[in-house]
Amino acid sequence: MNYFLIFFISLVAASHAEGEVIASRGEGLTAWNRIYEVVSHPRCSNCHVGPSDRPMWSGPSYGEPRPHGMMIRAGDSRIGAETIPCRTCHVTNETGGQDVPHAAPQVADAWRLAPVEADWFGRSSDFICAQLRDPARNGGRTVEELAEHLGHDVILHWAWAPGGTREPAPYDLESHIADLRLWGAAGQPCASD
């Protein structure tokens, strides 16, 4: 990340903390477009399914999107506790990633689906934008708390280092967090507003 961007994001965050929004709607929408590229990418969206509890397989190597093979169900627990725990194949290890092209993804945390209210697989930019700014549908989080969640939840970090021949999510984690903060400083605009 270049130093100008770090400086700009620091100014935005400082001004936002004091209650003054200095990012424009246009800057916020540009940041949102990059955010949407990340959250709609298969590395992020495949586990953001709703009450069906079926993770998805999608992306360049899978062809048409389809439910996870082997009839995998995550159940109400979202970790497969009712059937076969996700970590049966998605082994927890200290380093995460995997160099073997077809090995199950590994991460230094318990593998799981996102909460039901974070259902956005196949959803539009406007839907996800409205969802992420709605505390009732984003886990009760502010934009800053969403950014902190991204920084601390290592299962999310896997999206940028998925191992094997898997395509990583676009940009990088730090840029994604900076975009969330910029979007927040602009008042969380959505294109449909």
C-alpha atoms as a PDB file:
ATOM      1  CA  MET A   1       0.000   0.000   0.000  1.00  0.00           C
ATOM      2  CA  ASN A   2       1.474   3.392  -0.843  1.00  0.00           C
ATOM      3  CA  TYR A   3       2.199   5.959   1.828  1.00  0.00           C
ATOM      4  CA  PHE A   4      -0.184   8.557   0.386  1.00  0.00           C
ATOM      5  CA  LEU A   5      -3.108   6.147   0.745  1.00  0.00           C
ATOM      6  CA  ILE A   6      -2.089   5.306   4.329  1.00  0.00           C
ATOM      7  CA  PHE A   7      -1.862   9.028   5.135  1.00  0.00           C
ATOM      8  CA  PHE A   8      -5.251   9.739   3.497  1.00  0.00           C
ATOM      9  CA  ILE A   9      -6.977   6.866   5.324  1.00  0.00           C
ATOM     10  CA  SER A  10      -5.443   8.064   8.616  1.00  0.00           C
ATOM     11  CA  LEU A  11      -6.874  11.549   8.016  1.00  0.00           C
ATOM     12  CA  VAL A  12     -10.279  10.111   7.166  1.00  0.00           C
ATOM     13  CA  ALA A  13     -10.264   7.872  10.244  1.00  0.00           C
ATOM     14  CA  ALA A  14      -9.164  10.743  12.532  1.00  0.00           C
ATOM     15  CA  SER A  15     -11.804  13.096  11.141  1.00  0.00           C
ATOM     16  CA  HIS A  16     -14.464  10.389  11.327  1.00  0.00           C
ATOM     17  CA  ALA A  17     -13.553   9.682  14.969  1.00  0.00           C
ATOM     18  CA  GLU A  18     -14.205  13.369  15.724  1.00  0.00           C
ATOM     19  CA  GLY A  19     -17.600  13.148  14.011  1.00  0.00           C
ATOM     20  CA  GLU A  20     -16.628  15.055  10.847  1.00  0.00           C
ATOM     21  CA  VAL A  21     -17.078  13.105   7.614  1.00  0.00           C
ATOM     22  CA  ILE A  22     -14.510  14.312   5.071  1.00  0.00           C
ATOM     23  CA  ALA A  23     -14.817  11.596   2.417  1.00  0.00           C
ATOM     24  CA  SER A  24     -17.182  12.417  -0.433  1.00  0.00           C
ATOM     25  CA  ARG A  25     -20.042  10.240  -1.605  1.00  0.00           C
ATOM     26  CA  GLY A  26     -18.077   9.544  -4.803  1.00  0.00           C
ATOM     27  CA  GLU A  27     -15.040   8.397  -2.820  1.00  0.00           C
ATOM     28  CA  GLY A  28     -17.292   6.224  -0.673  1.00  0.00           C
ATOM     29  CA  LEU A  29     -18.953   4.634  -3.705  1.00  0.00           C
ATOM     30  CA  THR A  30     -15.562   3.976  -5.311  1.00  0.00           C
ATOM     31  CA  ALA A  31     -14.434   2.283  -2.084  1.00  0.00           C
ATOM     32  CA  TRP A  32     -17.723   0.341  -1.991  1.00  0.00           C
ATOM     33  CA  ASN A  33     -17.167  -0.952  -5.541  1.00  0.00           C
ATOM     34  CA  ARG A  34     -13.828  -2.428  -4.443  1.00  0.00           C
ATOM     35  CA  ILE A  35     -15.448  -3.839  -1.283  1.00  0.00           C
ATOM     36  CA  TYR A  36     -18.114  -5.512  -3.420  1.00  0.00           C
ATOM     37  CA  GLU A  37     -15.432  -7.062  -5.654  1.00  0.00           C
ATOM     38  CA  VAL A  38     -14.023  -8.724  -2.524  1.00  0.00           C
ATOM     39  CA  VAL A  39     -17.233  -9.814  -0.771  1.00  0.00           C
ATOM     40  CA  SER A  40     -18.780 -11.196  -3.968  1.00  0.00           C
ATOM     41  CA  HIS A  41     -15.625 -13.127  -4.880  1.00  0.00           C
ATOM     42  CA  PRO A  42     -15.895 -16.934  -4.426  1.00  0.00           C
ATOM     43  CA  ARG A  43     -13.243 -16.905  -1.666  1.00  0.00           C
ATOM     44  CA  CYS A  44     -15.638 -14.785   0.406  1.00  0.00           C
ATOM     45  CA  SER A  45     -19.136 -15.509  -0.856  1.00  0.00           C
ATOM     46  CA  ASN A  46     -19.045 -19.332  -0.992  1.00  0.00           C
ATOM     47  CA  CYS A  47     -19.541 -19.538   2.773  1.00  0.00           C
ATOM     48  CA  HIS A  48     -21.982 -16.612   3.011  1.00  0.00           C
ATOM     49  CA  VAL A  49     -25.076 -18.705   2.419  1.00  0.00           C
ATOM     50  CA  GLY A  50     -28.347 -18.401   4.275  1.00  0.00           C
ATOM     51  CA  PRO A  51     -30.495 -20.874   6.155  1.00  0.00           C
ATOM     52  CA  SER A  52     -29.917 -23.597   3.539  1.00  0.00           C
ATOM     53  CA  ASP A  53     -26.651 -24.389   5.407  1.00  0.00           C
ATOM     54  CA  ARG A  54     -25.028 -25.610   2.165  1.00  0.00           C
ATOM     55  CA  PRO A  55     -21.665 -24.013   1.373  1.00  0.00           C
ATOM     56  CA  MET A  56     -21.160 -23.323  -2.314  1.00  0.00           C
ATOM     57  CA  TRP A  57     -18.486 -24.193  -4.829  1.00  0.00           C
ATOM     58  CA  SER A  58     -17.993 -21.428  -7.365  1.00  0.00           C
ATOM     59  CA  GLY A  59     -15.175 -19.731  -9.162  1.00  0.00           C
ATOM     60  CA  PRO A  60     -13.074 -20.288 -12.276  1.00  0.00           C
ATOM     61  CA  SER A  61     -12.090 -23.881 -11.470  1.00  0.00           C
ATOM     62  CA  TYR A  62     -15.628 -25.048 -10.604  1.00  0.00           C
ATOM     63  CA  GLY A  63     -17.661 -24.054 -13.658  1.00  0.00           C
ATOM     64  CA  GLU A  64     -21.262 -23.222 -12.774  1.00  0.00           C
ATOM     65  CA  PRO A  65     -21.891 -22.468  -9.064  1.00  0.00           C
ATOM     66  CA  ARG A  66     -23.163 -25.491  -7.178  1.00  0.00           C
ATOM     67  CA  PRO A  67     -23.540 -26.679  -3.583  1.00  0.00           C
ATOM     68  CA  HIS A  68     -20.457 -28.122  -1.918  1.00  0.00           C
ATOM     69  CA  GLY A  69     -19.907 -31.698  -3.018  1.00  0.00           C
ATOM     70  CA  MET A  70     -20.458 -34.787  -0.861  1.00  0.00           C
ATOM     71  CA  MET A  71     -23.824 -33.453   0.367  1.00  0.00           C
ATOM     72  CA  ILE A  72     -22.058 -31.363   3.022  1.00  0.00           C
ATOM     73  CA  ARG A  73     -24.396 -29.557   5.434  1.00  0.00           C
ATOM     74  CA  ALA A  74     -23.237 -27.133   8.121  1.00  0.00           C
ATOM     75  CA  GLY A  75     -26.452 -27.372  10.160  1.00  0.00           C
ATOM     76  CA  ASP A  76     -27.715 -24.779  12.605  1.00  0.00           C
ATOM     77  CA  SER A  77     -24.303 -24.788  14.290  1.00  0.00           C
ATOM     78  CA  ARG A  78     -22.714 -23.503  11.035  1.00  0.00           C
ATOM     79  CA  ILE A  79     -19.704 -25.765  11.768  1.00  0.00           C
ATOM     80  CA  GLY A  80     -21.266 -29.116  10.825  1.00  0.00           C
ATOM     81  CA  ALA A  81     -21.607 -30.301  14.428  1.00  0.00           C
ATOM     82  CA  GLU A  82     -24.935 -32.008  13.585  1.00  0.00           C
ATOM     83  CA  THR A  83     -23.438 -34.072  10.760  1.00  0.00           C
ATOM     84  CA  ILE A  84     -19.739 -33.944   9.848  1.00  0.00           C
ATOM     85  CA  PRO A  85     -17.782 -31.029  11.306  1.00  0.00           C
ATOM     86  CA  CYS A  86     -16.249 -28.771   8.673  1.00  0.00           C
ATOM     87  CA  ARG A  87     -12.871 -29.248  10.334  1.00  0.00           C
ATOM     88  CA  THR A  88     -12.974 -32.959   9.452  1.00  0.00           C
ATOM     89  CA  CYS A  89     -11.605 -31.957   6.033  1.00  0.00           C
ATOM     90  CA  HIS A  90     -10.769 -28.294   6.607  1.00  0.00           C
ATOM     91  CA  VAL A  91      -8.012 -29.142   9.046  1.00  0.00           C
ATOM     92  CA  THR A  92      -6.962 -26.455  11.489  1.00  0.00           C
ATOM     93  CA  ASN A  93      -3.239 -25.775  11.311  1.00  0.00           C
ATOM     94  CA  GLU A  94      -0.890 -23.061  12.447  1.00  0.00           C
ATOM     95  CA  THR A  95       0.064 -21.739   9.031  1.00  0.00           C
ATOM     96  CA  GLY A  96      -3.163 -22.029   7.032  1.00  0.00           C
ATOM     97  CA  GLY A  97      -3.082 -22.435   3.263  1.00  0.00           C
ATOM     98  CA  GLN A  98      -1.999 -25.542   1.414  1.00  0.00           C
ATOM     99  CA  ASP A  99       0.280 -26.025  -1.562  1.00  0.00           C
ATOM    100  CA  VAL A 100      -1.410 -29.195  -2.789  1.00  0.00           C
ATOM    101  CA  PRO A 101      -3.818 -28.056  -5.558  1.00  0.00           C
ATOM    102  CA  HIS A 102      -6.855 -30.117  -4.548  1.00  0.00           C
ATOM    103  CA  ALA A 103      -6.410 -30.385  -0.789  1.00  0.00           C
ATOM    104  CA  ALA A 104      -9.187 -29.062   1.410  1.00  0.00           C
ATOM    105  CA  PRO A 105      -8.534 -25.469   2.481  1.00  0.00           C
ATOM    106  CA  GLN A 106      -6.829 -25.122   5.821  1.00  0.00           C
ATOM    107  CA  VAL A 107      -6.724 -22.211   8.199  1.00  0.00           C
ATOM    108  CA  ALA A 108      -5.448 -21.485  11.704  1.00  0.00           C
ATOM    109  CA  ASP A 109      -9.041 -21.403  13.043  1.00  0.00           C
ATOM    110  CA  ALA A 110     -12.140 -23.615  13.088  1.00  0.00           C
ATOM    111  CA  TRP A 111     -13.712 -23.655   9.611  1.00  0.00           C
ATOM    112  CA  ARG A 112     -17.367 -22.568   9.524  1.00  0.00           C
ATOM    113  CA  LEU A 113     -20.068 -20.861   7.521  1.00  0.00           C
ATOM    114  CA  ALA A 114     -20.851 -17.214   8.104  1.00  0.00           C
ATOM    115  CA  PRO A 115     -23.898 -16.552  10.325  1.00  0.00           C
ATOM    116  CA  VAL A 116     -27.286 -16.901   8.598  1.00  0.00           C
ATOM    117  CA  GLU A 117     -27.892 -13.125   8.657  1.00  0.00           C
ATOM    118  CA  ALA A 118     -24.701 -12.682   6.595  1.00  0.00           C
ATOM    119  CA  ASP A 119     -26.325 -14.425   3.603  1.00  0.00           C
ATOM    120  CA  TRP A 120     -25.053 -12.755   0.449  1.00  0.00           C
ATOM    121  CA  PHE A 121     -24.000 -15.502  -1.985  1.00  0.00           C
ATOM    122  CA  GLY A 122     -25.147 -14.367  -5.450  1.00  0.00           C
ATOM    123  CA  ARG A 123     -26.643 -11.113  -4.130  1.00  0.00           C
ATOM    124  CA  SER A 124     -26.386  -7.724  -5.821  1.00  0.00           C
ATOM    125  CA  SER A 125     -24.101  -4.889  -4.816  1.00  0.00           C
ATOM    126  CA  ASP A 126     -27.061  -2.855  -3.509  1.00  0.00           C
ATOM    127  CA  PHE A 127     -28.319  -5.773  -1.400  1.00  0.00           C
ATOM    128  CA  ILE A 128     -24.952  -6.394   0.249  1.00  0.00           C
ATOM    129  CA  CYS A 129     -24.278  -2.663   0.694  1.00  0.00           C
ATOM    130  CA  ALA A 130     -27.570  -2.209   2.553  1.00  0.00           C
ATOM    131  CA  GLN A 131     -26.913  -5.385   4.536  1.00  0.00           C
ATOM    132  CA  LEU A 132     -23.453  -4.346   5.736  1.00  0.00           C
ATOM    133  CA  ARG A 133     -24.620  -0.954   6.965  1.00  0.00           C
ATOM    134  CA  ASP A 134     -27.620  -2.479   8.812  1.00  0.00           C
ATOM    135  CA  PRO A 135     -26.614  -3.554  12.348  1.00  0.00           C
ATOM    136  CA  ALA A 136     -29.550  -6.011  12.406  1.00  0.00           C
ATOM    137  CA  ARG A 137     -27.941  -7.862   9.487  1.00  0.00           C
ATOM    138  CA  ASN A 138     -24.218  -7.346  10.111  1.00  0.00           C
ATOM    139  CA  GLY A 139     -23.834  -8.759  13.599  1.00  0.00           C
ATOM    140  CA  GLY A 140     -24.619  -5.449  15.330  1.00  0.00           C
ATOM    141  CA  ARG A 141     -21.362  -3.885  14.135  1.00  0.00           C
ATOM    142  CA  THR A 142     -20.359  -0.339  13.227  1.00  0.00           C
ATOM    143  CA  VAL A 143     -18.088   0.129  10.193  1.00  0.00           C
ATOM    144  CA  GLU A 144     -15.086   0.333  12.509  1.00  0.00           C
ATOM    145  CA  GLU A 145     -16.153  -2.908  14.215  1.00  0.00           C
ATOM    146  CA  LEU A 146     -16.494  -4.570  10.777  1.00  0.00           C
ATOM    147  CA  ALA A 147     -12.938  -3.428   9.981  1.00  0.00           C
ATOM    148  CA  GLU A 148     -11.688  -4.783  13.320  1.00  0.00           C
ATOM    149  CA  HIS A 149     -13.530  -8.075  12.663  1.00  0.00           C
ATOM    150  CA  LEU A 150     -11.657  -8.409   9.373  1.00  0.00           C
ATOM    151  CA  GLY A 151      -8.364  -7.671  11.065  1.00  0.00           C
ATOM    152  CA  HIS A 152      -8.819 -10.239  13.850  1.00  0.00           C
ATOM    153  CA  ASP A 153     -10.804 -13.143  12.363  1.00  0.00           C
ATOM    154  CA  VAL A 154      -8.089 -15.309  10.763  1.00  0.00           C
ATOM    155  CA  ILE A 155     -10.581 -17.483   8.850  1.00  0.00           C
ATOM    156  CA  LEU A 156     -11.283 -14.369   6.764  1.00  0.00           C
ATOM    157  CA  HIS A 157      -7.572 -13.861   6.074  1.00  0.00           C
ATOM    158  CA  TRP A 158      -7.524 -17.177   4.180  1.00  0.00           C
ATOM    159  CA  ALA A 159      -9.384 -15.487   1.294  1.00  0.00           C
ATOM    160  CA  TRP A 160      -6.163 -13.709   0.288  1.00  0.00           C
ATOM    161  CA  ALA A 161      -3.901 -16.751   0.771  1.00  0.00           C
ATOM    162  CA  PRO A 162      -6.051 -19.768  -0.165  1.00  0.00           C
ATOM    163  CA  GLY A 163      -3.184 -22.026  -1.211  1.00  0.00           C
ATOM    164  CA  GLY A 164      -2.879 -24.410  -4.118  1.00  0.00           C
ATOM    165  CA  THR A 165      -4.128 -23.037  -7.419  1.00  0.00           C
ATOM    166  CA  ARG A 166      -7.097 -21.253  -5.844  1.00  0.00           C
ATOM    167  CA  GLU A 167      -7.611 -17.683  -7.002  1.00  0.00           C
ATOM    168  CA  PRO A 168      -7.275 -15.282  -4.039  1.00  0.00           C
ATOM    169  CA  ALA A 169      -9.752 -12.515  -3.328  1.00  0.00           C
ATOM    170  CA  PRO A 170      -8.860  -9.259  -5.104  1.00  0.00           C
ATOM    171  CA  TYR A 171      -6.607  -6.568  -3.623  1.00  0.00           C
ATOM    172  CA  ASP A 172      -5.262  -7.422  -0.154  1.00  0.00           C
ATOM    173  CA  LEU A 173      -6.619  -7.495   3.387  1.00  0.00           C
ATOM    174  CA  GLU A 174      -5.139  -4.123   4.375  1.00  0.00           C
ATOM    175  CA  SER A 175      -6.636  -2.410   1.318  1.00  0.00           C
ATOM    176  CA  HIS A 176     -10.015  -4.031   2.019  1.00  0.00           C
ATOM    177  CA  ILE A 177      -9.978  -2.749   5.610  1.00  0.00           C
ATOM    178  CA  ALA A 178      -8.939   0.738   4.391  1.00  0.00           C
ATOM    179  CA  ASP A 179     -11.806   0.694   1.874  1.00  0.00           C
ATOM    180  CA  LEU A 180     -14.290  -0.198   4.627  1.00  0.00           C
ATOM    181  CA  ARG A 181     -13.094   2.738   6.698  1.00  0.00           C
ATOM    182  CA  LEU A 182     -13.238   5.098   3.716  1.00  0.00           C
ATOM    183  CA  TRP A 183     -16.763   3.873   2.883  1.00  0.00           C
ATOM    184  CA  GLY A 184     -17.704   4.532   6.507  1.00  0.00           C
ATOM    185  CA  ALA A 185     -16.165   8.018   6.479  1.00  0.00           C
ATOM    186  CA  ALA A 186     -18.310   8.808   3.433  1.00  0.00           C
ATOM    187  CA  GLY A 187     -21.454   7.810   5.329  1.00  0.00           C
ATOM    188  CA  GLN A 188     -21.751   4.238   3.969  1.00  0.00           C
ATOM    189  CA  PRO A 189     -23.301   5.204   0.626  1.00  0.00           C
ATOM    190  CA  CYS A 190     -24.966   2.657  -1.645  1.00  0.00           C
ATOM    191  CA  ALA A 191     -25.534   3.304  -5.345  1.00  0.00           C
ATOM    192  CA  SER A 192     -29.310   3.000  -4.864  1.00  0.00           C
ATOM    193  CA  ASP A 193     -29.457   5.815  -2.264  1.00  0.00           C
END
